[in-house]
Every structure is written in C-alpha cells, then in structure tokens.
C-alpha cells in the first residue's frame, strides 16, 4: 500500500473520481492567449472568429494514446479543411516541447502550449484517478495502439502533469460549444470520425440557414 500511495503522489492523481465539465460556450476560453509551437502568441477566440474550430487537448506529449490520436487527426486534416473547420492541438509545457512533439511524430497540425493548464481547466477536463490513468482498459488500449502502429507510436517521457486528461470541443463562430468529448480515462479520445461528424453538422446547419 505504501508503494501505491507513493506512486499516486508521484503521478499527482486525484484521490476521488472527478467529473468533466465542458462549457456551453467558449467565451472564457476565448480570452486565453497561448504560444504555439513557434512561440507566436495565439488568442483562442481568434481560432473560431472566422470559421468553426475543433480544439483537441492532449494529455501529455509522451502519452501513447495522445501520440496515436495526434497522428490520426493529422492524417485526416484535409477532411477537416473540407468540412470548413480549423483543427488545433493543445498540449502542456512549453513551445519547445510542442515543436519537438510535432517533429518526432512528423505531423503538420499546429500545437499550442499551455504550461499552466489553464485552458484544460476552462475546457472542463479532469485529473485522473490511479485507476483511470493506469487501469486495465488504458493499458490494453495502449498496447494495441503500439502494436497496430508497427513501432511508430510508443510510450514516451512524461512532459507536464502525468494525470491530466484531455478532451475535445467543437466551437461555432458565435462561440457556442456544439460538441464536447472530455476524456474519462487516459485512453478516452474523441476519434476523427466523431469530430468530423460534428463539424459536418455545423456546415449543414450553416448552409440551411444561408439557403
């Protein structure tokens, strides 16, 4: 028990299960300014000022689930463009870490860096318990992702808070959050099909209004 308690403290896990709490609007998120992978400051509200935006929060850059997720989204970024939405990743730590993450995976999606994790809090993401972080479901899914990637996706070094979970929001031009998927455990990510379906519903609604 002492070993488990020490590991829990090291990982910074939550003692009791938390609840995700995604916002109905992106107003508070929109006020935040975060640096991107090149160190340029980006005000989040500008991301959905001209077209809807899909924001995806990664756990940490070494997370095998996040690496697989980022690769999947990057491979389908053209479909997001065709759906008329911008797609952005948000990770912890510094722009240098974000840039290294992009280079290591060979992805082209922009990555914003949130060292203080303030955007995670405003997006309603939670901190995992020990079971949500390293439970059987998460470990099994991680093994599957490493095997199915033929070595391209591996667990890496933790950069940031180990127990922070991520999620995704689809935000319309008027700031309304039209779709939210905040992670319930380390393996729980909104896949590309789910996010694209939400983006296409937005485009269909916009076309209907303009018609």
Protein backbone atom coordinates (compact mmCIF):
# COMPACT_ATOMS: atom_id res chain seq x y z
CA UNK A 1 0.00 0.00 0.00
CA UNK A 2 2.86 2.37 0.77
CA UNK A 3 4.28 1.78 -2.70
CA UNK A 4 0.91 2.54 -4.30
CA UNK A 5 0.47 5.67 -2.19
CA UNK A 6 3.93 6.88 -3.14
CA UNK A 7 3.20 6.26 -6.82
CA UNK A 8 -0.11 8.10 -6.55
CA UNK A 9 1.67 11.11 -5.06
CA UNK A 10 4.33 10.97 -7.77
CA UNK A 11 1.73 10.89 -10.53
CA UNK A 12 -0.44 13.58 -8.93
CA UNK A 13 -3.60 11.53 -9.40
CA UNK A 14 -6.97 12.54 -7.98
CA UNK A 15 -7.99 10.66 -4.82
CA UNK A 16 -11.66 10.60 -5.84
CA UNK A 17 -13.13 10.44 -9.36
CA UNK A 18 -13.71 13.89 -10.82
CA UNK A 19 -16.41 14.91 -13.27
CA UNK A 20 -15.72 16.58 -16.57
CA UNK A 21 -17.42 19.93 -17.01
CA UNK A 22 -17.25 21.22 -20.60
CA UNK A 23 -18.64 24.74 -21.11
CA UNK A 24 -21.73 25.59 -23.15
CA UNK A 25 -19.83 28.48 -24.70
CA UNK A 26 -16.18 29.20 -25.45
CA UNK A 27 -16.22 32.73 -24.01
CA UNK A 28 -13.83 32.13 -21.10
CA UNK A 29 -11.57 30.00 -23.27
CA UNK A 30 -11.57 32.69 -25.94
CA UNK A 31 -9.88 35.16 -23.61
CA UNK A 32 -6.79 32.98 -23.17
CA UNK A 33 -3.57 33.65 -25.08
CA UNK A 34 -1.24 30.67 -25.61
CA UNK A 35 2.03 30.34 -27.55
CA UNK A 36 2.12 27.98 -30.49
CA UNK A 37 4.96 25.60 -31.40
CA UNK A 38 6.92 28.51 -32.87
CA UNK A 39 6.37 30.75 -29.86
CA UNK A 40 3.80 33.01 -31.53
CA UNK A 41 1.00 34.15 -29.25
CA UNK A 42 -2.47 32.99 -30.24
CA UNK A 43 -5.69 34.26 -28.68
CA UNK A 44 -8.01 31.26 -28.60
CA UNK A 45 -11.10 33.26 -29.52
CA UNK A 46 -9.49 34.15 -32.84
CA UNK A 47 -9.46 30.46 -33.79
CA UNK A 48 -13.25 30.45 -34.25
CA UNK A 49 -13.75 34.07 -35.26
CA UNK A 50 -13.96 33.33 -39.00
CA UNK A 51 -14.82 29.62 -39.09
CA UNK A 52 -15.68 26.92 -36.54
CA UNK A 53 -12.77 25.37 -34.67
CA UNK A 54 -12.01 21.92 -33.33
CA UNK A 55 -9.74 22.11 -30.27
CA UNK A 56 -8.14 18.91 -29.02
CA UNK A 57 -6.37 18.79 -25.65
CA UNK A 58 -3.62 16.18 -25.34
CA UNK A 59 -2.75 14.54 -22.01
CA UNK A 60 1.00 14.94 -22.33
CA UNK A 61 3.43 14.63 -25.21
CA UNK A 62 4.77 11.23 -24.16
CA UNK A 63 1.34 9.60 -23.84
CA UNK A 64 0.94 6.71 -26.28
CA UNK A 65 -2.78 7.40 -26.61
CA UNK A 66 -2.14 11.07 -27.41
CA UNK A 67 0.54 10.25 -29.96
CA UNK A 68 -1.77 7.83 -31.76
CA UNK A 69 -4.60 10.36 -31.60
CA UNK A 70 -2.46 13.20 -32.96
CA UNK A 71 -1.30 11.01 -35.87
CA UNK A 72 -4.87 10.01 -36.72
CA UNK A 73 -6.06 13.62 -36.72
CA UNK A 74 -3.08 14.82 -38.73
CA UNK A 75 -3.60 12.16 -41.38
CA UNK A 76 -7.17 13.39 -41.83
CA UNK A 77 -6.58 17.13 -41.56
CA UNK A 78 -7.64 17.57 -45.19
CA UNK A 79 -11.11 16.28 -44.31
CA UNK A 80 -11.40 18.88 -41.56
CA UNK A 81 -10.43 21.58 -44.06
CA UNK A 82 -13.09 20.30 -46.48
CA UNK A 83 -15.63 20.42 -43.63
CA UNK A 84 -14.80 24.10 -43.16
CA UNK A 85 -13.27 23.94 -39.67
CA UNK A 86 -9.86 24.67 -38.21
CA UNK A 87 -8.15 21.94 -36.19
CA UNK A 88 -5.76 22.71 -33.35
CA UNK A 89 -3.97 20.59 -30.77
CA UNK A 90 -3.23 21.90 -27.28
CA UNK A 91 -0.60 20.32 -25.06
CA UNK A 92 1.16 21.02 -21.81
CA UNK A 93 4.62 22.51 -21.17
CA UNK A 94 6.44 24.91 -23.50
CA UNK A 95 6.55 25.81 -27.20
CA UNK A 96 9.86 23.94 -27.41
CA UNK A 97 8.14 20.75 -26.19
CA UNK A 98 5.29 21.31 -28.64
CA UNK A 99 7.73 21.74 -31.53
CA UNK A 100 9.62 18.60 -30.54
CA UNK A 101 6.34 16.65 -30.41
CA UNK A 102 5.48 17.76 -33.97
CA UNK A 103 8.93 16.85 -35.29
CA UNK A 104 9.04 13.48 -33.57
CA UNK A 105 5.67 12.42 -34.97
CA UNK A 106 6.11 14.19 -38.31
CA UNK A 107 2.76 15.97 -38.05
CA UNK A 108 1.76 19.31 -39.55
CA UNK A 109 -1.12 20.29 -37.28
CA UNK A 110 -0.44 23.39 -35.17
CA UNK A 111 0.16 22.75 -31.47
CA UNK A 112 -0.43 25.30 -28.73
CA UNK A 113 1.42 25.08 -25.42
CA UNK A 114 -0.37 25.55 -22.10
CA UNK A 115 2.22 25.33 -19.35
CA UNK A 116 -0.20 26.31 -16.59
CA UNK A 117 -3.03 24.04 -17.89
CA UNK A 118 -5.50 26.90 -17.60
CA UNK A 119 -7.22 26.01 -20.87
CA UNK A 120 -7.66 22.43 -19.61
CA UNK A 121 -9.50 23.75 -16.57
CA UNK A 122 -11.69 26.09 -18.61
CA UNK A 123 -12.49 23.30 -21.06
CA UNK A 124 -13.72 21.14 -18.18
CA UNK A 125 -11.01 18.46 -18.38
CA UNK A 126 -10.32 16.44 -15.28
CA UNK A 127 -7.36 14.90 -13.46
CA UNK A 128 -7.44 11.09 -13.47
CA UNK A 129 -7.52 8.72 -10.53
CA UNK A 130 -4.92 5.96 -10.45
CA UNK A 131 -7.39 3.51 -12.00
CA UNK A 132 -8.39 5.92 -14.76
CA UNK A 133 -4.75 6.52 -15.57
CA UNK A 134 -3.26 3.02 -15.38
CA UNK A 135 -6.26 0.71 -15.27
CA UNK A 136 -6.69 -2.40 -17.47
CA UNK A 137 -8.62 -0.53 -20.19
CA UNK A 138 -5.93 2.13 -20.59
CA UNK A 139 -3.03 -0.36 -20.54
CA UNK A 140 -4.74 -2.71 -23.01
CA UNK A 141 -5.58 0.14 -25.40
CA UNK A 142 -2.01 1.44 -25.19
CA UNK A 143 -0.59 -1.97 -26.08
CA UNK A 144 -2.99 -2.26 -29.03
CA UNK A 145 -2.01 1.16 -30.34
CA UNK A 146 1.70 0.38 -30.17
CA UNK A 147 1.22 -2.94 -31.97
CA UNK A 148 -1.07 -1.56 -34.67
CA UNK A 149 1.33 1.30 -35.46
CA UNK A 150 4.20 -1.12 -36.21
CA UNK A 151 6.52 0.73 -33.86
CA UNK A 152 5.69 4.28 -34.94
CA UNK A 153 3.76 5.03 -31.73
CA UNK A 154 5.45 4.33 -28.40
CA UNK A 155 5.07 5.50 -24.85
CA UNK A 156 7.48 8.36 -24.23
CA UNK A 157 8.72 10.54 -21.41
CA UNK A 158 6.13 12.38 -19.37
CA UNK A 159 6.15 16.11 -20.09
CA UNK A 160 3.79 18.00 -17.80
CA UNK A 161 1.27 16.72 -15.29
CA UNK A 162 1.09 12.90 -15.66
CA UNK A 163 -2.54 12.53 -14.57
CA UNK A 164 -4.04 15.38 -16.57
CA UNK A 165 -6.67 14.14 -19.02
CA UNK A 166 -7.58 15.84 -22.27
CA UNK A 167 -10.61 16.12 -24.50
CA UNK A 168 -12.06 17.96 -27.47
CA UNK A 169 -14.50 20.79 -28.17
CA UNK A 170 -16.10 21.86 -31.44
CA UNK A 171 -16.85 25.58 -31.25
CA UNK A 172 -19.02 27.52 -33.69
CA UNK A 173 -18.23 31.04 -34.93
CA UNK A 174 -20.59 32.58 -32.39
CA UNK A 175 -18.75 30.87 -29.51
CA UNK A 176 -21.25 28.09 -28.87
CA UNK A 177 -19.77 24.72 -27.99
CA UNK A 178 -21.56 22.44 -30.42
CA UNK A 179 -19.86 19.18 -29.39
CA UNK A 180 -17.78 18.14 -26.39
CA UNK A 181 -15.88 14.97 -25.61
CA UNK A 182 -13.81 15.27 -22.45
CA UNK A 183 -11.77 12.20 -21.52
CA UNK A 184 -12.96 9.92 -18.73
CA UNK A 185 -9.69 7.96 -18.64
CA UNK A 186 -6.27 8.01 -20.28
CA UNK A 187 -7.41 6.03 -23.33
CA UNK A 188 -10.59 8.00 -23.97
CA UNK A 189 -10.14 10.22 -27.02
CA UNK A 190 -12.64 11.67 -29.49
CA UNK A 191 -11.74 9.97 -32.75
CA UNK A 192 -11.59 11.75 -36.08
CA UNK A 193 -14.95 10.35 -37.27
CA UNK A 194 -16.74 11.74 -34.23
CA UNK A 195 -15.22 15.20 -34.61
CA UNK A 196 -15.77 15.29 -38.37
CA UNK A 197 -19.42 14.34 -37.90
CA UNK A 198 -19.85 17.29 -35.53
CA UNK A 199 -18.07 19.62 -37.97
CA UNK A 200 -20.26 18.48 -40.87
CA UNK A 201 -23.42 19.01 -38.83
CA UNK A 202 -22.25 22.58 -38.29
CA UNK A 203 -21.64 23.07 -42.01
CA UNK A 204 -25.04 21.60 -42.87
CA UNK A 205 -26.75 23.92 -40.40
CA UNK A 206 -24.92 26.95 -41.79
CA UNK A 207 -25.89 26.02 -45.36
CA UNK A 208 -29.52 25.57 -44.35
CA UNK A 209 -29.61 29.00 -42.69
CA UNK A 210 -28.00 30.72 -45.68
CA UNK A 211 -30.37 28.95 -48.07
